[in-house]
Amino acid sequence: MLIALIARDKAGALQTRLDNRAAHLAYIDDTGVVAQAGPLLEGDAMIGSLVILDVDDLAAAEAWAANDPYALAGLFDSVELIPWKKVIG
């Protein structure tokens, strides 16, 4: 099941993002459920994340999101988990 995780950073939290980026990327590598991922941008500034998870169910996506180092560091103002269907690409 593909799940789109759309997270918006708290205002002024760029340093939190930068401080936890290596741990976030390692988590992505270690868990092996991320199909695609990257930062949301406003100009050149990172303001959030889009992560496509390939998991068994919504509960697995929720667990992944809760244990993401960015989430544990309090980076996000909001997180949405939305079932997603790949059509192109």
C-alpha atoms as a PDB file:
ATOM      1  CA  MET A   1       0.000   0.000   0.000  1.00  0.00           C
ATOM      2  CA  LEU A   2       1.375   3.382  -0.978  1.00  0.00           C
ATOM      3  CA  ILE A   3       0.909   6.238   1.488  1.00  0.00           C
ATOM      4  CA  ALA A   4       1.836   9.875   0.857  1.00  0.00           C
ATOM      5  CA  LEU A   5       3.218  11.539   3.973  1.00  0.00           C
ATOM      6  CA  ILE A   6       2.950  15.307   3.650  1.00  0.00           C
ATOM      7  CA  ALA A   7       4.549  17.195   6.512  1.00  0.00           C
ATOM      8  CA  ARG A   8       4.833  20.939   7.010  1.00  0.00           C
ATOM      9  CA  ASP A   9       7.656  22.316   9.138  1.00  0.00           C
ATOM     10  CA  LYS A  10       7.030  24.646  12.055  1.00  0.00           C
ATOM     11  CA  ALA A  11       7.857  28.246  11.233  1.00  0.00           C
ATOM     12  CA  GLY A  12      11.487  29.070  11.925  1.00  0.00           C
ATOM     13  CA  ALA A  13      12.484  25.409  12.324  1.00  0.00           C
ATOM     14  CA  LEU A  14      15.125  25.204   9.589  1.00  0.00           C
ATOM     15  CA  GLN A  15      17.906  24.565  12.120  1.00  0.00           C
ATOM     16  CA  THR A  16      15.927  21.663  13.615  1.00  0.00           C
ATOM     17  CA  ARG A  17      15.652  20.204  10.109  1.00  0.00           C
ATOM     18  CA  LEU A  18      19.359  20.647   9.447  1.00  0.00           C
ATOM     19  CA  ASP A  19      20.381  19.249  12.844  1.00  0.00           C
ATOM     20  CA  ASN A  20      18.337  16.067  12.299  1.00  0.00           C
ATOM     21  CA  ARG A  21      18.771  15.548   8.563  1.00  0.00           C
ATOM     22  CA  ALA A  22      21.470  12.855   8.788  1.00  0.00           C
ATOM     23  CA  ALA A  23      19.385  10.828  11.265  1.00  0.00           C
ATOM     24  CA  HIS A  24      16.276  11.251   9.069  1.00  0.00           C
ATOM     25  CA  LEU A  25      18.127  10.028   5.967  1.00  0.00           C
ATOM     26  CA  ALA A  26      19.603   7.085   7.893  1.00  0.00           C
ATOM     27  CA  TYR A  27      16.093   6.182   9.120  1.00  0.00           C
ATOM     28  CA  ILE A  28      14.865   6.179   5.527  1.00  0.00           C
ATOM     29  CA  ASP A  29      17.705   3.852   4.522  1.00  0.00           C
ATOM     30  CA  ASP A  30      17.332   1.590   7.561  1.00  0.00           C
ATOM     31  CA  THR A  31      13.571   1.079   7.337  1.00  0.00           C
ATOM     32  CA  GLY A  32      13.467   0.239   3.627  1.00  0.00           C
ATOM     33  CA  VAL A  33       9.859   1.341   3.083  1.00  0.00           C
ATOM     34  CA  VAL A  34      10.409   4.692   1.368  1.00  0.00           C
ATOM     35  CA  ALA A  35       9.695   4.635  -2.364  1.00  0.00           C
ATOM     36  CA  GLN A  36      10.375   8.351  -2.921  1.00  0.00           C
ATOM     37  CA  ALA A  37      11.114  11.320  -0.707  1.00  0.00           C
ATOM     38  CA  GLY A  38      12.230  14.918  -0.736  1.00  0.00           C
ATOM     39  CA  PRO A  39      11.750  18.298   0.865  1.00  0.00           C
ATOM     40  CA  LEU A  40       8.905  20.654   0.075  1.00  0.00           C
ATOM     41  CA  LEU A  41      10.303  23.997  -1.030  1.00  0.00           C
ATOM     42  CA  GLU A  42       9.453  27.659  -0.855  1.00  0.00           C
ATOM     43  CA  GLY A  43      11.984  29.192  -3.211  1.00  0.00           C
ATOM     44  CA  ASP A  44      15.201  27.478  -2.134  1.00  0.00           C
ATOM     45  CA  ALA A  45      14.081  27.043   1.495  1.00  0.00           C
ATOM     46  CA  MET A  46      13.029  23.602   2.802  1.00  0.00           C
ATOM     47  CA  ILE A  47       9.606  23.955   4.439  1.00  0.00           C
ATOM     48  CA  GLY A  48       8.384  20.392   4.771  1.00  0.00           C
ATOM     49  CA  SER A  49       8.625  16.844   3.478  1.00  0.00           C
ATOM     50  CA  LEU A  50       6.918  14.589   0.978  1.00  0.00           C
ATOM     51  CA  VAL A  51       7.566  10.884   1.570  1.00  0.00           C
ATOM     52  CA  ILE A  52       5.938   8.055  -0.355  1.00  0.00           C
ATOM     53  CA  LEU A  53       5.810   4.998   1.896  1.00  0.00           C
ATOM     54  CA  ASP A  54       5.291   1.445   0.621  1.00  0.00           C
ATOM     55  CA  VAL A  55       3.833  -0.283   3.680  1.00  0.00           C
ATOM     56  CA  ASP A  56       1.311  -2.991   4.586  1.00  0.00           C
ATOM     57  CA  ASP A  57      -1.321  -0.647   5.990  1.00  0.00           C
ATOM     58  CA  LEU A  58      -2.050   2.794   7.407  1.00  0.00           C
ATOM     59  CA  ALA A  59      -0.989   1.691  10.894  1.00  0.00           C
ATOM     60  CA  ALA A  60       2.504   0.899   9.572  1.00  0.00           C
ATOM     61  CA  ALA A  61       2.668   4.347   7.966  1.00  0.00           C
ATOM     62  CA  GLU A  62       1.586   5.962  11.235  1.00  0.00           C
ATOM     63  CA  ALA A  63       4.286   4.060  13.126  1.00  0.00           C
ATOM     64  CA  TRP A  64       6.917   5.032  10.555  1.00  0.00           C
ATOM     65  CA  ALA A  65       5.889   8.690  10.761  1.00  0.00           C
ATOM     66  CA  ALA A  66       5.904   8.714  14.567  1.00  0.00           C
ATOM     67  CA  ASN A  67       9.445   7.324  14.697  1.00  0.00           C
ATOM     68  CA  ASP A  68      10.951   9.562  12.019  1.00  0.00           C
ATOM     69  CA  PRO A  69      13.782  11.561  13.634  1.00  0.00           C
ATOM     70  CA  TYR A  70      12.261  14.754  12.227  1.00  0.00           C
ATOM     71  CA  ALA A  71       9.004  14.027  14.052  1.00  0.00           C
ATOM     72  CA  LEU A  72      10.835  13.043  17.240  1.00  0.00           C
ATOM     73  CA  ALA A  73      12.712  16.361  17.114  1.00  0.00           C
ATOM     74  CA  GLY A  74       9.437  18.286  16.906  1.00  0.00           C
ATOM     75  CA  LEU A  75      10.108  19.666  13.410  1.00  0.00           C
ATOM     76  CA  PHE A  76       6.613  19.348  12.004  1.00  0.00           C
ATOM     77  CA  ASP A  77       3.630  21.632  12.459  1.00  0.00           C
ATOM     78  CA  SER A  78       1.396  19.128  10.677  1.00  0.00           C
ATOM     79  CA  VAL A  79       1.578  15.640   9.162  1.00  0.00           C
ATOM     80  CA  GLU A  80      -0.940  14.075   6.771  1.00  0.00           C
ATOM     81  CA  LEU A  81      -0.949  10.430   5.753  1.00  0.00           C
ATOM     82  CA  ILE A  82      -2.986   9.858   2.610  1.00  0.00           C
ATOM     83  CA  PRO A  83      -3.377   6.612   0.634  1.00  0.00           C
ATOM     84  CA  TRP A  84      -1.880   7.198  -2.806  1.00  0.00           C
ATOM     85  CA  LYS A  85      -2.132   5.434  -6.157  1.00  0.00           C
ATOM     86  CA  LYS A  86       0.806   5.570  -8.548  1.00  0.00           C
ATOM     87  CA  VAL A  87      -0.479   6.141 -12.097  1.00  0.00           C
ATOM     88  CA  ILE A  88       2.501   7.627 -13.958  1.00  0.00           C
ATOM     89  CA  GLY A  89       6.217   7.037 -13.547  1.00  0.00           C
END
